[in-house]
PDB file of N, CA and C in Angstrom:
ATOM      1  N   MET A   1       4.569   0.305 208.934  1.00  0.00           N
ATOM      2  CA  MET A   1       5.831   0.770 208.935  1.00  0.00           C
ATOM      3  C   MET A   1       6.178   1.861 210.394  1.00  0.00           C
ATOM      4  N   ASP A   2       7.247   1.323 211.102  1.00  0.00           N
ATOM      5  CA  ASP A   2       7.550   2.072 212.044  1.00  0.00           C
ATOM      6  C   ASP A   2       7.876   3.474 211.684  1.00  0.00           C
ATOM      7  N   ILE A   3       7.541   4.557 212.611  1.00  0.00           N
ATOM      8  CA  ILE A   3       7.978   5.993 212.400  1.00  0.00           C
ATOM      9  C   ILE A   3       9.253   6.388 213.451  1.00  0.00           C
ATOM     10  N   HIS A   4      10.010   6.871 212.906  1.00  0.00           N
ATOM     11  CA  HIS A   4      11.331   7.772 213.742  1.00  0.00           C
ATOM     12  C   HIS A   4      11.321   9.007 213.970  1.00  0.00           C
ATOM     13  N   LYS A   5      11.373  10.047 214.982  1.00  0.00           N
ATOM     14  CA  LYS A   5      11.611  10.812 214.871  1.00  0.00           C
ATOM     15  C   LYS A   5      12.601  11.604 216.180  1.00  0.00           C
ATOM     16  N   ILE A   6      13.099  12.462 215.750  1.00  0.00           N
ATOM     17  CA  ILE A   6      14.061  13.438 216.642  1.00  0.00           C
ATOM     18  C   ILE A   6      13.391  14.188 217.489  1.00  0.00           C
ATOM     19  N   LYS A   7      13.828  14.613 218.673  1.00  0.00           N
ATOM     20  CA  LYS A   7      13.527  16.037 219.281  1.00  0.00           C
ATOM     21  C   LYS A   7      14.610  16.615 219.884  1.00  0.00           C
ATOM     22  N   ILE A   8      15.084  17.791 219.520  1.00  0.00           N
ATOM     23  CA  ILE A   8      16.629  18.206 220.121  1.00  0.00           C
ATOM     24  C   ILE A   8      16.388  18.829 221.016  1.00  0.00           C
ATOM     25  N   ASN A   9      16.987  18.531 222.422  1.00  0.00           N
ATOM     26  CA  ASN A   9      16.811  19.636 223.595  1.00  0.00           C
ATOM     27  C   ASN A   9      18.088  20.311 223.783  1.00  0.00           C
ATOM     28  N   GLY A  10      18.351  21.244 224.701  1.00  0.00           N
ATOM     29  CA  GLY A  10      19.507  21.867 224.924  1.00  0.00           C
ATOM     30  C   GLY A  10      19.553  23.585 224.599  1.00  0.00           C
ATOM     31  N   VAL A  11      20.339  24.034 225.345  1.00  0.00           N
ATOM     32  CA  VAL A  11      20.319  25.448 225.083  1.00  0.00           C
ATOM     33  C   VAL A  11      21.994  25.903 224.799  1.00  0.00           C
ATOM     34  N   SER A  12      21.845  27.120 223.993  1.00  0.00           N
ATOM     35  CA  SER A  12      23.349  27.489 223.465  1.00  0.00           C
ATOM     36  C   SER A  12      23.241  29.088 223.367  1.00  0.00           C
ATOM     37  N   GLU A  13      24.634  29.498 224.106  1.00  0.00           N
ATOM     38  CA  GLU A  13      24.627  30.855 224.338  1.00  0.00           C
ATOM     39  C   GLU A  13      25.241  31.385 222.932  1.00  0.00           C
ATOM     40  N   ILE A  14      24.673  32.491 222.341  1.00  0.00           N
ATOM     41  CA  ILE A  14      25.135  33.061 221.120  1.00  0.00           C
ATOM     42  C   ILE A  14      25.328  34.421 221.706  1.00  0.00           C
ATOM     43  N   ASN A  15      26.408  35.187 220.836  1.00  0.00           N
ATOM     44  CA  ASN A  15      26.849  36.638 221.103  1.00  0.00           C
ATOM     45  C   ASN A  15      26.009  37.804 220.273  1.00  0.00           C
ATOM     46  N   GLN A  16      24.970  36.911 219.619  1.00  0.00           N
ATOM     47  CA  GLN A  16      24.283  38.268 219.019  1.00  0.00           C
ATOM     48  C   GLN A  16      22.659  37.784 218.582  1.00  0.00           C
ATOM     49  N   ALA A  17      21.784  38.932 218.721  1.00  0.00           N
ATOM     50  CA  ALA A  17      20.220  38.539 218.141  1.00  0.00           C
ATOM     51  C   ALA A  17      20.058  37.819 217.118  1.00  0.00           C
ATOM     52  N   LEU A  18      19.267  37.131 216.643  1.00  0.00           N
ATOM     53  CA  LEU A  18      18.499  36.685 215.851  1.00  0.00           C
ATOM     54  C   LEU A  18      17.280  37.475 215.123  1.00  0.00           C
ATOM     55  N   ASP A  19      17.217  37.183 213.714  1.00  0.00           N
ATOM     56  CA  ASP A  19      16.161  38.016 213.502  1.00  0.00           C
ATOM     57  C   ASP A  19      14.970  36.966 213.014  1.00  0.00           C
ATOM     58  N   ILE A  20      13.796  37.117 213.676  1.00  0.00           N
ATOM     59  CA  ILE A  20      12.593  36.310 213.506  1.00  0.00           C
ATOM     60  C   ILE A  20      11.896  36.257 212.342  1.00  0.00           C
ATOM     61  N   LYS A  21      12.582  36.910 211.401  1.00  0.00           N
ATOM     62  CA  LYS A  21      11.819  37.066 210.248  1.00  0.00           C
ATOM     63  C   LYS A  21      12.860  35.920 209.076  1.00  0.00           C
ATOM     64  N   LYS A  22      14.106  35.730 209.482  1.00  0.00           N
ATOM     65  CA  LYS A  22      14.832  34.692 208.962  1.00  0.00           C
ATOM     66  C   LYS A  22      14.782  32.873 209.275  1.00  0.00           C
ATOM     67  N   ASP A  23      15.303  32.292 208.507  1.00  0.00           N
ATOM     68  CA  ASP A  23      15.226  31.203 208.718  1.00  0.00           C
ATOM     69  C   ASP A  23      17.013  30.825 208.647  1.00  0.00           C
ATOM     70  N   TYR A  24      17.116  29.994 209.596  1.00  0.00           N
ATOM     71  CA  TYR A  24      18.989  29.582 209.757  1.00  0.00           C
ATOM     72  C   TYR A  24      19.259  28.212 209.498  1.00  0.00           C
ATOM     73  N   SER A  25      20.404  27.732 209.099  1.00  0.00           N
ATOM     74  CA  SER A  25      20.654  26.383 208.982  1.00  0.00           C
ATOM     75  C   SER A  25      21.330  26.048 210.377  1.00  0.00           C
ATOM     76  N   LEU A  26      21.165  24.877 210.911  1.00  0.00           N
ATOM     77  CA  LEU A  26      21.514  24.622 212.187  1.00  0.00           C
ATOM     78  C   LEU A  26      22.447  23.263 212.350  1.00  0.00           C
ATOM     79  N   VAL A  27      23.654  23.665 212.827  1.00  0.00           N
ATOM     80  CA  VAL A  27      24.691  22.213 212.815  1.00  0.00           C
ATOM     81  C   VAL A  27      25.111  22.092 213.906  1.00  0.00           C
ATOM     82  N   LEU A  28      24.571  21.011 214.417  1.00  0.00           N
ATOM     83  CA  LEU A  28      25.248  20.173 215.875  1.00  0.00           C
ATOM     84  C   LEU A  28      26.112  19.220 215.872  1.00  0.00           C
ATOM     85  N   LYS A  29      27.188  19.632 216.242  1.00  0.00           N
ATOM     86  CA  LYS A  29      28.300  18.611 216.282  1.00  0.00           C
ATOM     87  C   LYS A  29      28.632  17.366 216.677  1.00  0.00           C
ATOM     88  N   ARG A  30      27.714  17.285 218.011  1.00  0.00           N
ATOM     89  CA  ARG A  30      27.482  16.010 218.779  1.00  0.00           C
ATOM     90  C   ARG A  30      26.440  15.958 219.755  1.00  0.00           C
ATOM     91  N   CYS A  31      25.625  15.293 219.693  1.00  0.00           N
ATOM     92  CA  CYS A  31      24.511  14.937 220.442  1.00  0.00           C
ATOM     93  C   CYS A  31      24.386  13.442 221.200  1.00  0.00           C
ATOM     94  N   SER A  32      23.750  13.526 222.279  1.00  0.00           N
ATOM     95  CA  SER A  32      23.417  11.914 223.130  1.00  0.00           C
ATOM     96  C   SER A  32      22.169  12.144 222.773  1.00  0.00           C
ATOM     97  N   ILE A  33      22.081  10.776 223.032  1.00  0.00           N
ATOM     98  CA  ILE A  33      20.277  10.342 223.100  1.00  0.00           C
ATOM     99  C   ILE A  33      20.061  10.095 224.365  1.00  0.00           C
ATOM    100  N   LYS A  34      18.940  10.799 225.155  1.00  0.00           N
ATOM    101  CA  LYS A  34      18.627  11.279 226.366  1.00  0.00           C
ATOM    102  C   LYS A  34      17.665  10.209 226.780  1.00  0.00           C
ATOM    103  N   SER A  35      16.622   9.742 225.967  1.00  0.00           N
ATOM    104  CA  SER A  35      15.574   8.900 226.035  1.00  0.00           C
ATOM    105  C   SER A  35      15.000   8.510 224.444  1.00  0.00           C
ATOM    106  N   ILE A  36      14.252   7.403 225.046  1.00  0.00           N
ATOM    107  CA  ILE A  36      13.390   6.809 223.514  1.00  0.00           C
ATOM    108  C   ILE A  36      12.176   6.885 223.829  1.00  0.00           C
ATOM    109  N   VAL A  37      10.912   7.531 223.052  1.00  0.00           N
ATOM    110  CA  VAL A  37       9.779   7.260 223.802  1.00  0.00           C
ATOM    111  C   VAL A  37       9.122   6.545 222.547  1.00  0.00           C
ATOM    112  N   LYS A  38       8.277   5.050 223.056  1.00  0.00           N
ATOM    113  CA  LYS A  38       7.996   4.540 221.826  1.00  0.00           C
ATOM    114  C   LYS A  38       6.089   4.557 222.351  1.00  0.00           C
ATOM    115  N   LYS A  39       5.728   4.897 221.081  1.00  0.00           N
ATOM    116  CA  LYS A  39       4.065   4.925 221.043  1.00  0.00           C
ATOM    117  C   LYS A  39       3.417   4.017 219.974  1.00  0.00           C
ATOM    118  N   GLU A  40       2.657   3.549 220.430  1.00  0.00           N
ATOM    119  CA  GLU A  40       1.839   2.503 219.088  1.00  0.00           C
ATOM    120  C   GLU A  40       0.976   3.532 218.499  1.00  0.00           C
ATOM    121  N   THR A  41       1.150   2.928 216.880  1.00  0.00           N
ATOM    122  CA  THR A  41       0.211   3.787 216.534  1.00  0.00           C
ATOM    123  C   THR A  41      -1.249   3.321 216.321  1.00  0.00           C
ATOM    124  N   ASN A  42      -2.131   3.935 215.593  1.00  0.00           N
ATOM    125  CA  ASN A  42      -3.372   3.645 215.143  1.00  0.00           C
ATOM    126  C   ASN A  42      -3.661   2.476 214.496  1.00  0.00           C
ATOM    127  N   GLU A  43      -2.687   2.529 213.264  1.00  0.00           N
ATOM    128  CA  GLU A  43      -2.612   1.876 212.505  1.00  0.00           C
ATOM    129  C   GLU A  43      -1.919   0.703 212.537  1.00  0.00           C
ATOM    130  N   ASP A  44      -2.136  -0.699 212.238  1.00  0.00           N
ATOM    131  CA  ASP A  44      -2.030  -2.124 212.573  1.00  0.00           C
ATOM    132  C   ASP A  44      -0.801  -2.199 213.712  1.00  0.00           C
ATOM    133  N   GLU A  45       0.331  -2.893 213.588  1.00  0.00           N
ATOM    134  CA  GLU A  45       0.854  -2.851 215.381  1.00  0.00           C
ATOM    135  C   GLU A  45       2.471  -2.045 215.039  1.00  0.00           C
ATOM    136  N   ASN A  46       2.192  -0.914 214.301  1.00  0.00           N
ATOM    137  CA  ASN A  46       3.330   0.202 214.271  1.00  0.00           C
ATOM    138  C   ASN A  46       3.775   0.939 215.314  1.00  0.00           C
ATOM    139  N   PHE A  47       4.682   1.340 215.444  1.00  0.00           N
ATOM    140  CA  PHE A  47       4.896   2.385 216.510  1.00  0.00           C
ATOM    141  C   PHE A  47       5.957   3.802 215.928  1.00  0.00           C
ATOM    142  N   VAL A  48       5.752   4.714 216.854  1.00  0.00           N
ATOM    143  CA  VAL A  48       6.350   5.800 216.464  1.00  0.00           C
ATOM    144  C   VAL A  48       7.418   6.184 217.851  1.00  0.00           C
ATOM    145  N   TYR A  49       8.746   6.015 217.225  1.00  0.00           N
ATOM    146  CA  TYR A  49       9.611   6.104 218.125  1.00  0.00           C
ATOM    147  C   TYR A  49      10.306   7.794 217.737  1.00  0.00           C
ATOM    148  N   THR A  50      10.398   8.269 219.329  1.00  0.00           N
ATOM    149  CA  THR A  50      10.797   9.365 219.662  1.00  0.00           C
ATOM    150  C   THR A  50      12.198   9.715 220.073  1.00  0.00           C
ATOM    151  N   TYR A  51      13.049  10.255 219.624  1.00  0.00           N
ATOM    152  CA  TYR A  51      14.505  10.027 220.006  1.00  0.00           C
ATOM    153  C   TYR A  51      14.829  11.337 220.696  1.00  0.00           C
ATOM    154  N   ASN A  52      15.141  11.444 221.623  1.00  0.00           N
ATOM    155  CA  ASN A  52      15.364  13.055 222.484  1.00  0.00           C
ATOM    156  C   ASN A  52      16.713  13.032 222.835  1.00  0.00           C
ATOM    157  N   LEU A  53      17.192  14.020 222.080  1.00  0.00           N
ATOM    158  CA  LEU A  53      18.574  14.289 222.050  1.00  0.00           C
ATOM    159  C   LEU A  53      19.191  15.198 222.582  1.00  0.00           C
ATOM    160  N   GLU A  54      20.370  15.539 223.446  1.00  0.00           N
ATOM    161  CA  GLU A  54      20.783  16.555 223.643  1.00  0.00           C
ATOM    162  C   GLU A  54      21.700  17.064 223.224  1.00  0.00           C
ATOM    163  N   ASN A  55      22.018  18.215 222.899  1.00  0.00           N
ATOM    164  CA  ASN A  55      23.248  19.154 222.341  1.00  0.00           C
ATOM    165  C   ASN A  55      24.419  19.225 223.265  1.00  0.00           C
ATOM    166  N   LEU A  56      25.424  18.628 222.776  1.00  0.00           N
ATOM    167  CA  LEU A  56      26.609  18.476 223.884  1.00  0.00           C
ATOM    168  C   LEU A  56      28.033  19.010 223.249  1.00  0.00           C
ATOM    169  N   ASP A  57      27.931  20.008 222.475  1.00  0.00           N
ATOM    170  CA  ASP A  57      29.073  20.462 221.873  1.00  0.00           C
ATOM    171  C   ASP A  57      28.329  21.791 221.208  1.00  0.00           C
ATOM    172  N   ILE A  58      29.413  22.737 220.327  1.00  0.00           N
ATOM    173  CA  ILE A  58      29.180  23.664 219.731  1.00  0.00           C
ATOM    174  C   ILE A  58      27.901  23.787 219.092  1.00  0.00           C
ATOM    175  N   THR A  59      27.127  24.620 218.652  1.00  0.00           N
ATOM    176  CA  THR A  59      26.299  24.637 217.299  1.00  0.00           C
ATOM    177  C   THR A  59      26.527  26.051 216.784  1.00  0.00           C
ATOM    178  N   THR A  60      26.530  25.827 215.713  1.00  0.00           N
ATOM    179  CA  THR A  60      26.521  26.789 214.427  1.00  0.00           C
ATOM    180  C   THR A  60      25.374  26.839 213.744  1.00  0.00           C
ATOM    181  N   LEU A  61      25.008  28.250 213.619  1.00  0.00           N
ATOM    182  CA  LEU A  61      23.841  28.896 212.890  1.00  0.00           C
ATOM    183  C   LEU A  61      24.400  29.808 211.693  1.00  0.00           C
ATOM    184  N   VAL A  62      23.755  29.419 210.593  1.00  0.00           N
ATOM    185  CA  VAL A  62      24.381  29.771 209.330  1.00  0.00           C
ATOM    186  C   VAL A  62      23.347  30.695 208.675  1.00  0.00           C
ATOM    187  N   ASP A  63      23.620  31.557 208.401  1.00  0.00           N
ATOM    188  CA  ASP A  63      22.707  32.674 207.955  1.00  0.00           C
ATOM    189  C   ASP A  63      23.147  33.589 206.620  1.00  0.00           C
ATOM    190  N   GLU A  64      22.613  33.022 205.369  1.00  0.00           N
ATOM    191  CA  GLU A  64      23.262  33.455 204.414  1.00  0.00           C
ATOM    192  C   GLU A  64      24.970  33.559 204.211  1.00  0.00           C
ATOM    193  N   GLY A  65      25.622  32.305 204.568  1.00  0.00           N
ATOM    194  CA  GLY A  65      26.901  32.506 204.623  1.00  0.00           C
ATOM    195  C   GLY A  65      28.009  32.979 205.599  1.00  0.00           C
ATOM    196  N   LYS A  66      26.723  33.671 206.439  1.00  0.00           N
ATOM    197  CA  LYS A  66      27.601  34.042 207.822  1.00  0.00           C
ATOM    198  C   LYS A  66      27.419  32.985 208.663  1.00  0.00           C
ATOM    199  N   THR A  67      28.219  32.762 209.624  1.00  0.00           N
ATOM    200  CA  THR A  67      28.170  31.559 210.787  1.00  0.00           C
ATOM    201  C   THR A  67      27.943  32.301 212.277  1.00  0.00           C
ATOM    202  N   ILE A  68      27.072  31.683 212.977  1.00  0.00           N
ATOM    203  CA  ILE A  68      27.158  32.270 214.352  1.00  0.00           C
ATOM    204  C   ILE A  68      27.349  31.121 215.312  1.00  0.00           C
ATOM    205  N   GLN A  69      28.068  31.078 216.404  1.00  0.00           N
ATOM    206  CA  GLN A  69      28.713  30.002 216.994  1.00  0.00           C
ATOM    207  C   GLN A  69      28.098  30.364 218.187  1.00  0.00           C
ATOM    208  N   GLY A  70      27.288  29.214 218.888  1.00  0.00           N
ATOM    209  CA  GLY A  70      27.029  28.936 220.333  1.00  0.00           C
ATOM    210  C   GLY A  70      27.524  27.686 221.299  1.00  0.00           C
ATOM    211  N   ASN A  71      27.636  28.064 222.159  1.00  0.00           N
ATOM    212  CA  ASN A  71      28.238  27.319 223.145  1.00  0.00           C
ATOM    213  C   ASN A  71      27.005  26.502 224.278  1.00  0.00           C
ATOM    214  N   PRO A  72      27.356  25.410 224.272  1.00  0.00           N
ATOM    215  CA  PRO A  72      26.408  24.711 225.130  1.00  0.00           C
ATOM    216  C   PRO A  72      26.148  25.309 226.656  1.00  0.00           C
ATOM    217  N   LYS A  73      25.307  24.944 227.355  1.00  0.00           N
ATOM    218  CA  LYS A  73      25.451  25.241 228.871  1.00  0.00           C
ATOM    219  C   LYS A  73      26.773  24.433 229.538  1.00  0.00           C
ATOM    220  N   SER A  74      26.698  24.836 230.225  1.00  0.00           N
ATOM    221  CA  SER A  74      28.270  24.438 231.595  1.00  0.00           C
ATOM    222  C   SER A  74      27.345  23.143 231.965  1.00  0.00           C
ATOM    223  N   ALA A  75      27.962  22.253 232.539  1.00  0.00           N
ATOM    224  CA  ALA A  75      27.613  20.958 233.070  1.00  0.00           C
ATOM    225  C   ALA A  75      26.705  21.442 234.545  1.00  0.00           C
ATOM    226  N   SER A  76      27.160  22.510 235.288  1.00  0.00           N
ATOM    227  CA  SER A  76      26.329  23.242 236.565  1.00  0.00           C
ATOM    228  C   SER A  76      24.995  23.658 235.993  1.00  0.00           C
ATOM    229  N   LYS A  77      25.071  24.140 234.916  1.00  0.00           N
ATOM    230  CA  LYS A  77      23.820  24.717 234.202  1.00  0.00           C
ATOM    231  C   LYS A  77      22.597  23.740 234.161  1.00  0.00           C
ATOM    232  N   LYS A  78      23.011  22.723 233.362  1.00  0.00           N
ATOM    233  CA  LYS A  78      22.858  21.303 232.989  1.00  0.00           C
ATOM    234  C   LYS A  78      22.005  20.786 234.108  1.00  0.00           C
ATOM    235  N   LEU A  79      22.677  20.828 235.216  1.00  0.00           N
ATOM    236  CA  LEU A  79      22.629  19.911 236.584  1.00  0.00           C
ATOM    237  C   LEU A  79      21.252  20.964 237.128  1.00  0.00           C
ATOM    238  N   ARG A  80      21.492  21.855 237.308  1.00  0.00           N
ATOM    239  CA  ARG A  80      20.501  22.744 238.110  1.00  0.00           C
ATOM    240  C   ARG A  80      19.005  22.860 237.128  1.00  0.00           C
ATOM    241  N   GLY A  81      19.154  23.013 235.704  1.00  0.00           N
ATOM    242  CA  GLY A  81      18.157  22.708 235.092  1.00  0.00           C
ATOM    243  C   GLY A  81      17.357  21.285 235.199  1.00  0.00           C
ATOM    244  N   ALA A  82      18.047  20.220 235.070  1.00  0.00           N
ATOM    245  CA  ALA A  82      17.625  19.035 235.264  1.00  0.00           C
ATOM    246  C   ALA A  82      16.744  18.722 236.672  1.00  0.00           C
ATOM    247  N   ILE A  83      17.278  19.353 237.848  1.00  0.00           N
ATOM    248  CA  ILE A  83      16.779  19.393 238.969  1.00  0.00           C
ATOM    249  C   ILE A  83      15.831  20.014 239.001  1.00  0.00           C
ATOM    250  N   PHE A  84      15.575  21.127 238.648  1.00  0.00           N
ATOM    251  CA  PHE A  84      14.324  22.124 238.552  1.00  0.00           C
ATOM    252  C   PHE A  84      13.191  21.351 237.701  1.00  0.00           C
ATOM    253  N   TYR A  85      13.599  20.760 236.343  1.00  0.00           N
ATOM    254  CA  TYR A  85      12.779  20.107 235.754  1.00  0.00           C
ATOM    255  C   TYR A  85      11.890  19.020 236.467  1.00  0.00           C
ATOM    256  N   LYS A  86      12.780  18.082 237.025  1.00  0.00           N
ATOM    257  CA  LYS A  86      12.603  16.925 237.682  1.00  0.00           C
ATOM    258  C   LYS A  86      11.581  17.480 239.075  1.00  0.00           C
ATOM    259  N   GLY A  87      11.614  18.428 239.661  1.00  0.00           N
ATOM    260  CA  GLY A  87      10.839  19.245 240.704  1.00  0.00           C
ATOM    261  C   GLY A  87       9.398  19.739 240.148  1.00  0.00           C
ATOM    262  N   GLU A  88       9.475  20.123 238.903  1.00  0.00           N
ATOM    263  CA  GLU A  88       8.265  20.681 238.039  1.00  0.00           C
ATOM    264  C   GLU A  88       7.435  19.364 237.813  1.00  0.00           C
ATOM    265  N   GLU A  89       8.024  18.353 237.214  1.00  0.00           N
ATOM    266  CA  GLU A  89       7.632  17.206 237.163  1.00  0.00           C
ATOM    267  C   GLU A  89       6.910  16.464 238.107  1.00  0.00           C
ATOM    268  N   LEU A  90       7.380  16.502 239.480  1.00  0.00           N
ATOM    269  CA  LEU A  90       6.792  15.901 240.812  1.00  0.00           C
ATOM    270  C   LEU A  90       6.114  16.706 241.352  1.00  0.00           C
ATOM    271  N   GLY A  91       5.521  17.916 241.036  1.00  0.00           N
ATOM    272  CA  GLY A  91       5.267  19.323 241.649  1.00  0.00           C
ATOM    273  C   GLY A  91       5.420  19.756 242.859  1.00  0.00           C
ATOM    274  N   ILE A  92       6.780  19.838 242.661  1.00  0.00           N
ATOM    275  CA  ILE A  92       7.362  20.359 244.102  1.00  0.00           C
ATOM    276  C   ILE A  92       7.178  22.059 243.543  1.00  0.00           C
ATOM    277  N   GLU A  93       6.854  22.771 244.625  1.00  0.00           N
ATOM    278  CA  GLU A  93       6.700  23.941 244.502  1.00  0.00           C
ATOM    279  C   GLU A  93       8.031  24.971 244.882  1.00  0.00           C
ATOM    280  N   ASP A  94       8.881  24.326 245.717  1.00  0.00           N
ATOM    281  CA  ASP A  94      10.096  24.930 246.236  1.00  0.00           C
ATOM    282  C   ASP A  94      11.369  24.651 245.428  1.00  0.00           C
ATOM    283  N   ASN A  95      11.711  25.078 244.256  1.00  0.00           N
ATOM    284  CA  ASN A  95      12.495  24.092 243.372  1.00  0.00           C
ATOM    285  C   ASN A  95      13.972  24.540 243.866  1.00  0.00           C
ATOM    286  N   GLU A  96      14.034  25.629 244.666  1.00  0.00           N
ATOM    287  CA  GLU A  96      15.299  25.933 245.197  1.00  0.00           C
ATOM    288  C   GLU A  96      15.739  25.235 246.292  1.00  0.00           C
ATOM    289  N   LYS A  97      14.766  24.726 246.910  1.00  0.00           N
ATOM    290  CA  LYS A  97      15.142  24.110 248.141  1.00  0.00           C
ATOM    291  C   LYS A  97      15.783  22.557 247.687  1.00  0.00           C
ATOM    292  N   LEU A  98      14.397  22.067 246.537  1.00  0.00           N
ATOM    293  CA  LEU A  98      14.907  20.931 246.123  1.00  0.00           C
ATOM    294  C   LEU A  98      16.517  21.076 245.471  1.00  0.00           C
ATOM    295  N   TYR A  99      16.746  22.097 244.786  1.00  0.00           N
ATOM    296  CA  TYR A  99      18.167  22.037 244.139  1.00  0.00           C
ATOM    297  C   TYR A  99      18.986  21.968 245.453  1.00  0.00           C
ATOM    298  N   GLN A 100      18.985  22.739 246.709  1.00  0.00           N
ATOM    299  CA  GLN A 100      20.107  22.426 247.592  1.00  0.00           C
ATOM    300  C   GLN A 100      20.107  21.507 248.568  1.00  0.00           C
ATOM    301  N   ASP A 101      18.866  20.624 248.576  1.00  0.00           N
ATOM    302  CA  ASP A 101      19.090  19.597 249.010  1.00  0.00           C
ATOM    303  C   ASP A 101      19.491  18.291 248.273  1.00  0.00           C
ATOM    304  N   VAL A 102      19.449  18.381 246.872  1.00  0.00           N
ATOM    305  CA  VAL A 102      19.796  17.368 246.134  1.00  0.00           C
ATOM    306  C   VAL A 102      21.964  17.742 245.973  1.00  0.00           C
ATOM    307  N   ILE A 103      22.108  19.044 245.909  1.00  0.00           N
ATOM    308  CA  ILE A 103      23.162  19.260 245.663  1.00  0.00           C
ATOM    309  C   ILE A 103      24.126  18.616 247.270  1.00  0.00           C
ATOM    310  N   ASN A 104      23.232  18.853 248.437  1.00  0.00           N
ATOM    311  CA  ASN A 104      24.011  18.512 249.410  1.00  0.00           C
ATOM    312  C   ASN A 104      24.033  17.098 249.302  1.00  0.00           C
ATOM    313  N   TYR A 105      22.906  16.290 248.816  1.00  0.00           N
ATOM    314  CA  TYR A 105      23.197  14.940 248.694  1.00  0.00           C
ATOM    315  C   TYR A 105      24.184  14.361 248.092  1.00  0.00           C
ATOM    316  N   LEU A 106      24.335  14.686 246.732  1.00  0.00           N
ATOM    317  CA  LEU A 106      25.393  14.866 246.173  1.00  0.00           C
ATOM    318  C   LEU A 106      26.725  14.859 246.846  1.00  0.00           C
ATOM    319  N   VAL A 107      26.827  16.195 247.377  1.00  0.00           N
ATOM    320  CA  VAL A 107      28.285  16.305 248.076  1.00  0.00           C
ATOM    321  C   VAL A 107      28.727  15.116 249.234  1.00  0.00           C
ATOM    322  N   ILE A 108      27.524  14.881 249.737  1.00  0.00           N
ATOM    323  CA  ILE A 108      27.440  13.993 251.093  1.00  0.00           C
ATOM    324  C   ILE A 108      28.052  12.476 250.572  1.00  0.00           C
ATOM    325  N   ASN A 109      27.612  12.107 249.521  1.00  0.00           N
ATOM    326  CA  ASN A 109      27.542  10.771 248.934  1.00  0.00           C
ATOM    327  C   ASN A 109      28.688  10.910 247.624  1.00  0.00           C
ATOM    328  N   ILE A 110      29.524  11.535 247.347  1.00  0.00           N
ATOM    329  CA  ILE A 110      30.370  11.915 245.802  1.00  0.00           C
ATOM    330  C   ILE A 110      30.863  10.777 245.905  1.00  0.00           C
ATOM    331  N   ASP A 111      31.665  10.107 246.684  1.00  0.00           N
ATOM    332  CA  ASP A 111      32.204   8.682 247.000  1.00  0.00           C
ATOM    333  C   ASP A 111      31.530   7.613 246.235  1.00  0.00           C
ATOM    334  N   ASP A 112      30.408   7.339 246.786  1.00  0.00           N
ATOM    335  CA  ASP A 112      29.541   6.465 246.222  1.00  0.00           C
ATOM    336  C   ASP A 112      29.124   6.508 244.608  1.00  0.00           C
ATOM    337  N   ILE A 113      28.775   7.776 244.409  1.00  0.00           N
ATOM    338  CA  ILE A 113      28.441   8.449 242.817  1.00  0.00           C
ATOM    339  C   ILE A 113      29.463   7.987 242.144  1.00  0.00           C
ATOM    340  N   VAL A 114      30.692   8.438 242.561  1.00  0.00           N
ATOM    341  CA  VAL A 114      31.742   8.441 241.468  1.00  0.00           C
ATOM    342  C   VAL A 114      32.163   7.016 241.309  1.00  0.00           C
ATOM    343  N   GLY A 115      32.181   6.450 242.311  1.00  0.00           N
ATOM    344  CA  GLY A 115      32.337   4.673 242.297  1.00  0.00           C
ATOM    345  C   GLY A 115      31.421   4.296 241.350  1.00  0.00           C
ATOM    346  N   LYS A 116      30.011   4.419 241.568  1.00  0.00           N
ATOM    347  CA  LYS A 116      28.887   3.829 240.797  1.00  0.00           C
ATOM    348  C   LYS A 116      29.130   4.212 239.400  1.00  0.00           C
ATOM    349  N   THR A 117      29.747   5.360 239.006  1.00  0.00           N
ATOM    350  CA  THR A 117      29.867   5.985 237.471  1.00  0.00           C
ATOM    351  C   THR A 117      30.851   5.070 237.008  1.00  0.00           C
ATOM    352  N   LEU A 118      32.311   4.853 237.895  1.00  0.00           N
ATOM    353  CA  LEU A 118      33.278   4.273 237.081  1.00  0.00           C
ATOM    354  C   LEU A 118      32.828   2.851 237.105  1.00  0.00           C
ATOM    355  N   ASP A 119      32.320   2.561 237.576  1.00  0.00           N
ATOM    356  CA  ASP A 119      32.010   0.611 237.391  1.00  0.00           C
ATOM    357  C   ASP A 119      31.047   0.303 236.553  1.00  0.00           C
ATOM    358  N   LYS A 120      30.500   1.207 235.373  1.00  0.00           N
ATOM    359  CA  LYS A 120      29.647   1.188 234.413  1.00  0.00           C
ATOM    360  C   LYS A 120      30.509   0.494 233.377  1.00  0.00           C
TER     361      LYS A 120
END
């Protein structure tokens, strides 16, 4: 039997501290699937599917009936994070230079990028 798992990524900013000794209920309004990882299990010919989700909307934490709202990162912060993550993945030491190079490339090629995005 196949196994299906979810892994939630993303950061939301909240306006108060949390207590490490407490458990909180977490409500996500909207997530997108960023990737699916398929691994074969050692048993039979079954697979483990891990769905990597990213939070796209407001996050709500619930603590004993009290709610704490969290807002997701802005698109520019997500882009910066994605570029830095890719740089680390590729072993690039100067992530700031990589960031500037990617941003310059995006600006120079914005017409092609927008056109390809709209063609989907």
